[in-house]
Amino acid sequence: MKRDNILKENNKGLSLVEIIIVLAIMTIIGGAMLLTTAVATDKHVTSCGEKVVSSLEQTRNLAMGKQSGWIIISKDPGDYMYCQMYVDGQPYGDRVSIGHSGLTVSVTESGGSPQNIETLGDVKIEFSRSNGSVINSPAISQIDITNGRRSVTITIDKFTGRVSSVRT
């Protein structure tokens, strides 16, 4: 019986210092998880933008000196985005996965307003064999990739075919 009385007398609960320490640890862990998640989702936007720029530049370079060269950017029903290069009318290399669900891709034609790739279907960007300029009409001048927080804007110069990107 004495032992039960000793436990009841010494059992006063948690002190304020202990509660503050537990809350501080939980805050640090929660903040780290939130930061990791934000960095991971932002990386998808950047990675998708880099893959599109690389594919566009490679297609433009391959088109010069060949009969024709173009790239098709598409989004499948599974919400994955792909690009496929074509040289002289034949697929060149494998279809490349450039992004997944959660990313929104919109395309702007010269003098037009942005349109979501889901409503457009396949987007074809064709390059001239003589100077690398964009020759499909209307020419695609800009591609925007976003996840709502971060975005990459890819600009294609119609006259030179030069590709540039800006992250925001």
C-alpha atoms as a PDB file:
ATOM      1  CA  MET A   1       0.000   0.000   0.000  1.00  0.00           C
ATOM      2  CA  LYS A   2       2.831   2.409   0.784  1.00  0.00           C
ATOM      3  CA  ARG A   3       4.134   2.052  -2.751  1.00  0.00           C
ATOM      4  CA  ASP A   4       0.795   3.124  -4.302  1.00  0.00           C
ATOM      5  CA  ASN A   5       0.710   6.220  -2.125  1.00  0.00           C
ATOM      6  CA  ILE A   6       4.246   7.206  -3.160  1.00  0.00           C
ATOM      7  CA  LEU A   7       3.363   6.952  -6.868  1.00  0.00           C
ATOM      8  CA  LYS A   8       0.231   9.056  -6.445  1.00  0.00           C
ATOM      9  CA  GLU A   9       2.064  11.770  -4.515  1.00  0.00           C
ATOM     10  CA  ASN A  10       4.901  12.102  -7.076  1.00  0.00           C
ATOM     11  CA  ASN A  11       2.650  11.938 -10.185  1.00  0.00           C
ATOM     12  CA  LYS A  12       2.077  15.624 -10.965  1.00  0.00           C
ATOM     13  CA  GLY A  13       1.982  15.335 -14.823  1.00  0.00           C
ATOM     14  CA  LEU A  14       4.138  17.154 -17.355  1.00  0.00           C
ATOM     15  CA  SER A  15       5.911  20.354 -16.539  1.00  0.00           C
ATOM     16  CA  LEU A  16       5.639  23.438 -18.722  1.00  0.00           C
ATOM     17  CA  VAL A  17       9.273  23.031 -19.818  1.00  0.00           C
ATOM     18  CA  GLU A  18       8.618  19.465 -21.002  1.00  0.00           C
ATOM     19  CA  ILE A  19       5.590  20.563 -23.016  1.00  0.00           C
ATOM     20  CA  ILE A  20       7.566  23.395 -24.653  1.00  0.00           C
ATOM     21  CA  ILE A  21      10.388  21.012 -25.588  1.00  0.00           C
ATOM     22  CA  VAL A  22       7.953  18.506 -27.146  1.00  0.00           C
ATOM     23  CA  LEU A  23       6.225  21.285 -29.124  1.00  0.00           C
ATOM     24  CA  ALA A  24       9.576  22.632 -30.344  1.00  0.00           C
ATOM     25  CA  ILE A  25      10.644  19.184 -31.560  1.00  0.00           C
ATOM     26  CA  MET A  26       7.295  18.653 -33.327  1.00  0.00           C
ATOM     27  CA  THR A  27       7.580  22.067 -35.002  1.00  0.00           C
ATOM     28  CA  ILE A  28      11.099  21.347 -36.271  1.00  0.00           C
ATOM     29  CA  ILE A  29      10.082  17.944 -37.674  1.00  0.00           C
ATOM     30  CA  GLY A  30       6.924  19.376 -39.296  1.00  0.00           C
ATOM     31  CA  GLY A  31       8.862  22.245 -40.862  1.00  0.00           C
ATOM     32  CA  ALA A  32      11.474  19.898 -42.276  1.00  0.00           C
ATOM     33  CA  MET A  33       8.776  17.693 -43.808  1.00  0.00           C
ATOM     34  CA  LEU A  34       7.002  20.683 -45.339  1.00  0.00           C
ATOM     35  CA  LEU A  35      10.240  22.043 -46.804  1.00  0.00           C
ATOM     36  CA  THR A  36      11.158  18.642 -48.245  1.00  0.00           C
ATOM     37  CA  THR A  37       7.738  18.293 -49.874  1.00  0.00           C
ATOM     38  CA  ALA A  38       7.887  21.807 -51.351  1.00  0.00           C
ATOM     39  CA  VAL A  39      11.376  21.250 -52.779  1.00  0.00           C
ATOM     40  CA  ALA A  40      10.321  17.901 -54.276  1.00  0.00           C
ATOM     41  CA  THR A  41       7.261  19.324 -56.066  1.00  0.00           C
ATOM     42  CA  ASP A  42       9.198  22.353 -57.317  1.00  0.00           C
ATOM     43  CA  LYS A  43      11.862  20.050 -58.694  1.00  0.00           C
ATOM     44  CA  HIS A  44       9.263  18.389 -60.943  1.00  0.00           C
ATOM     45  CA  VAL A  45       8.509  21.714 -62.637  1.00  0.00           C
ATOM     46  CA  THR A  46      12.202  22.480 -63.146  1.00  0.00           C
ATOM     47  CA  SER A  47      12.954  18.970 -64.392  1.00  0.00           C
ATOM     48  CA  CYS A  48      10.057  19.039 -66.859  1.00  0.00           C
ATOM     49  CA  GLY A  49      11.184  22.435 -68.175  1.00  0.00           C
ATOM     50  CA  GLU A  50      14.762  21.237 -68.627  1.00  0.00           C
ATOM     51  CA  LYS A  51      13.600  18.130 -70.525  1.00  0.00           C
ATOM     52  CA  VAL A  52      11.404  20.201 -72.856  1.00  0.00           C
ATOM     53  CA  VAL A  53      14.205  22.703 -73.554  1.00  0.00           C
ATOM     54  CA  SER A  54      16.695  19.898 -74.185  1.00  0.00           C
ATOM     55  CA  SER A  55      14.310  18.070 -76.522  1.00  0.00           C
ATOM     56  CA  LEU A  56      13.496  21.257 -78.451  1.00  0.00           C
ATOM     57  CA  GLU A  57      17.170  22.147 -78.890  1.00  0.00           C
ATOM     58  CA  GLN A  58      18.078  18.612 -79.942  1.00  0.00           C
ATOM     59  CA  THR A  59      15.213  18.493 -82.471  1.00  0.00           C
ATOM     60  CA  ARG A  60      16.210  21.870 -83.896  1.00  0.00           C
ATOM     61  CA  ASN A  61      19.835  20.760 -84.279  1.00  0.00           C
ATOM     62  CA  LEU A  62      18.826  17.469 -85.897  1.00  0.00           C
ATOM     63  CA  ALA A  63      16.446  19.218 -88.310  1.00  0.00           C
ATOM     64  CA  MET A  64      19.183  21.408 -89.721  1.00  0.00           C
ATOM     65  CA  GLY A  65      20.688  19.618 -92.684  1.00  0.00           C
ATOM     66  CA  LYS A  66      17.965  16.959 -92.796  1.00  0.00           C
ATOM     67  CA  GLN A  67      14.727  16.928 -94.770  1.00  0.00           C
ATOM     68  CA  SER A  68      12.534  17.836 -91.808  1.00  0.00           C
ATOM     69  CA  GLY A  69      12.438  17.765 -88.032  1.00  0.00           C
ATOM     70  CA  TRP A  70       9.708  18.287 -85.469  1.00  0.00           C
ATOM     71  CA  ILE A  71       8.732  17.444 -81.944  1.00  0.00           C
ATOM     72  CA  ILE A  72       5.324  16.447 -80.621  1.00  0.00           C
ATOM     73  CA  ILE A  73       4.437  17.205 -77.006  1.00  0.00           C
ATOM     74  CA  SER A  74       1.442  15.282 -75.695  1.00  0.00           C
ATOM     75  CA  LYS A  75      -0.383  14.389 -72.502  1.00  0.00           C
ATOM     76  CA  ASP A  76      -1.850  10.911 -72.126  1.00  0.00           C
ATOM     77  CA  PRO A  77      -5.018   9.969 -70.213  1.00  0.00           C
ATOM     78  CA  GLY A  78      -2.854   8.819 -67.285  1.00  0.00           C
ATOM     79  CA  ASP A  79      -1.814  12.475 -66.835  1.00  0.00           C
ATOM     80  CA  TYR A  80       1.785  11.889 -67.960  1.00  0.00           C
ATOM     81  CA  MET A  81       3.393  14.231 -70.489  1.00  0.00           C
ATOM     82  CA  TYR A  82       5.666  13.007 -73.249  1.00  0.00           C
ATOM     83  CA  CYS A  83       7.629  14.350 -76.151  1.00  0.00           C
ATOM     84  CA  GLN A  84       8.678  12.496 -79.283  1.00  0.00           C
ATOM     85  CA  MET A  85      11.195  13.770 -81.812  1.00  0.00           C
ATOM     86  CA  TYR A  86      10.808  13.097 -85.533  1.00  0.00           C
ATOM     87  CA  VAL A  87      13.523  13.464 -88.172  1.00  0.00           C
ATOM     88  CA  ASP A  88      12.774  12.977 -91.864  1.00  0.00           C
ATOM     89  CA  GLY A  89       9.275  11.786 -90.950  1.00  0.00           C
ATOM     90  CA  GLN A  90      10.472   8.948 -88.711  1.00  0.00           C
ATOM     91  CA  PRO A  91      10.472   8.806 -84.893  1.00  0.00           C
ATOM     92  CA  TYR A  92      13.914   9.630 -83.558  1.00  0.00           C
ATOM     93  CA  GLY A  93      14.753   7.878 -80.310  1.00  0.00           C
ATOM     94  CA  ASP A  94      12.249   6.852 -77.686  1.00  0.00           C
ATOM     95  CA  ARG A  95       9.250   8.793 -76.493  1.00  0.00           C
ATOM     96  CA  VAL A  96      10.541  10.748 -73.490  1.00  0.00           C
ATOM     97  CA  SER A  97       8.502  11.205 -70.319  1.00  0.00           C
ATOM     98  CA  ILE A  98       8.799  14.874 -69.415  1.00  0.00           C
ATOM     99  CA  GLY A  99       6.357  15.238 -66.538  1.00  0.00           C
ATOM    100  CA  HIS A 100       3.553  13.735 -64.513  1.00  0.00           C
ATOM    101  CA  SER A 101       0.293  14.634 -62.832  1.00  0.00           C
ATOM    102  CA  GLY A 102       0.117  17.901 -60.959  1.00  0.00           C
ATOM    103  CA  LEU A 103       1.809  19.885 -63.713  1.00  0.00           C
ATOM    104  CA  THR A 104      -0.100  22.177 -66.022  1.00  0.00           C
ATOM    105  CA  VAL A 105       1.333  22.841 -69.464  1.00  0.00           C
ATOM    106  CA  SER A 106      -0.011  25.641 -71.630  1.00  0.00           C
ATOM    107  CA  VAL A 107       1.101  26.648 -75.094  1.00  0.00           C
ATOM    108  CA  THR A 108       0.929  30.099 -76.659  1.00  0.00           C
ATOM    109  CA  GLU A 109       0.835  30.507 -80.421  1.00  0.00           C
ATOM    110  CA  SER A 110       2.257  33.658 -82.004  1.00  0.00           C
ATOM    111  CA  GLY A 111      -0.160  36.477 -81.312  1.00  0.00           C
ATOM    112  CA  GLY A 112      -2.525  34.211 -79.387  1.00  0.00           C
ATOM    113  CA  SER A 113      -3.438  33.490 -75.810  1.00  0.00           C
ATOM    114  CA  PRO A 114      -2.237  30.521 -73.729  1.00  0.00           C
ATOM    115  CA  GLN A 115      -4.118  27.257 -74.203  1.00  0.00           C
ATOM    116  CA  ASN A 116      -3.884  24.192 -72.003  1.00  0.00           C
ATOM    117  CA  ILE A 117      -2.235  21.232 -73.710  1.00  0.00           C
ATOM    118  CA  GLU A 118      -5.092  19.015 -72.495  1.00  0.00           C
ATOM    119  CA  THR A 119      -7.563  20.931 -74.659  1.00  0.00           C
ATOM    120  CA  LEU A 120      -5.221  21.155 -77.655  1.00  0.00           C
ATOM    121  CA  GLY A 121      -4.137  17.517 -77.737  1.00  0.00           C
ATOM    122  CA  ASP A 122      -0.787  16.889 -79.406  1.00  0.00           C
ATOM    123  CA  VAL A 123       1.336  19.993 -79.964  1.00  0.00           C
ATOM    124  CA  LYS A 124       3.685  19.899 -82.952  1.00  0.00           C
ATOM    125  CA  ILE A 125       6.661  22.224 -83.239  1.00  0.00           C
ATOM    126  CA  GLU A 126       8.479  21.962 -86.567  1.00  0.00           C
ATOM    127  CA  PHE A 127      11.876  23.423 -87.382  1.00  0.00           C
ATOM    128  CA  SER A 128      13.271  24.529 -90.750  1.00  0.00           C
ATOM    129  CA  ARG A 129      16.143  22.509 -92.156  1.00  0.00           C
ATOM    130  CA  SER A 130      17.888  25.582 -93.532  1.00  0.00           C
ATOM    131  CA  ASN A 131      18.122  27.886 -90.518  1.00  0.00           C
ATOM    132  CA  GLY A 132      16.367  26.167 -87.600  1.00  0.00           C
ATOM    133  CA  SER A 133      13.441  28.594 -87.490  1.00  0.00           C
ATOM    134  CA  VAL A 134       9.969  27.470 -86.440  1.00  0.00           C
ATOM    135  CA  ILE A 135       7.968  26.757 -89.587  1.00  0.00           C
ATOM    136  CA  ASN A 136       4.617  25.366 -88.459  1.00  0.00           C
ATOM    137  CA  SER A 137       1.763  27.816 -88.703  1.00  0.00           C
ATOM    138  CA  PRO A 138       0.696  29.231 -86.365  1.00  0.00           C
ATOM    139  CA  ALA A 139       4.079  29.025 -84.708  1.00  0.00           C
ATOM    140  CA  ILE A 140       4.334  28.088 -81.038  1.00  0.00           C
ATOM    141  CA  SER A 141       6.100  30.969 -79.301  1.00  0.00           C
ATOM    142  CA  GLN A 142       5.872  30.002 -75.624  1.00  0.00           C
ATOM    143  CA  ILE A 143       5.370  26.971 -73.380  1.00  0.00           C
ATOM    144  CA  ASP A 144       4.447  27.467 -69.709  1.00  0.00           C
ATOM    145  CA  ILE A 145       4.853  24.674 -67.163  1.00  0.00           C
ATOM    146  CA  THR A 146       3.497  25.194 -63.646  1.00  0.00           C
ATOM    147  CA  ASN A 147       2.366  23.360 -60.546  1.00  0.00           C
ATOM    148  CA  GLY A 148       0.540  26.360 -59.093  1.00  0.00           C
ATOM    149  CA  ARG A 149       3.496  27.563 -57.012  1.00  0.00           C
ATOM    150  CA  ARG A 150       6.444  27.442 -59.376  1.00  0.00           C
ATOM    151  CA  SER A 151       6.591  27.862 -63.113  1.00  0.00           C
ATOM    152  CA  VAL A 152       8.969  27.606 -66.036  1.00  0.00           C
ATOM    153  CA  THR A 153       8.384  29.707 -69.134  1.00  0.00           C
ATOM    154  CA  ILE A 154      10.029  28.446 -72.323  1.00  0.00           C
ATOM    155  CA  THR A 155      10.262  30.914 -75.188  1.00  0.00           C
ATOM    156  CA  ILE A 156      10.893  29.857 -78.788  1.00  0.00           C
ATOM    157  CA  ASP A 157      12.037  32.532 -81.241  1.00  0.00           C
ATOM    158  CA  LYS A 158      10.082  31.992 -84.464  1.00  0.00           C
ATOM    159  CA  PHE A 159      12.793  33.377 -86.737  1.00  0.00           C
ATOM    160  CA  THR A 160      15.858  31.674 -85.271  1.00  0.00           C
ATOM    161  CA  GLY A 161      14.396  28.721 -83.384  1.00  0.00           C
ATOM    162  CA  ARG A 162      16.430  29.706 -80.347  1.00  0.00           C
ATOM    163  CA  VAL A 163      15.006  28.264 -77.112  1.00  0.00           C
ATOM    164  CA  SER A 164      15.292  29.989 -73.743  1.00  0.00           C
ATOM    165  CA  SER A 165      13.702  29.380 -70.354  1.00  0.00           C
ATOM    166  CA  VAL A 166      12.971  31.374 -67.222  1.00  0.00           C
ATOM    167  CA  ARG A 167      12.042  29.921 -63.816  1.00  0.00           C
ATOM    168  CA  THR A 168       9.807  31.827 -61.425  1.00  0.00           C
END
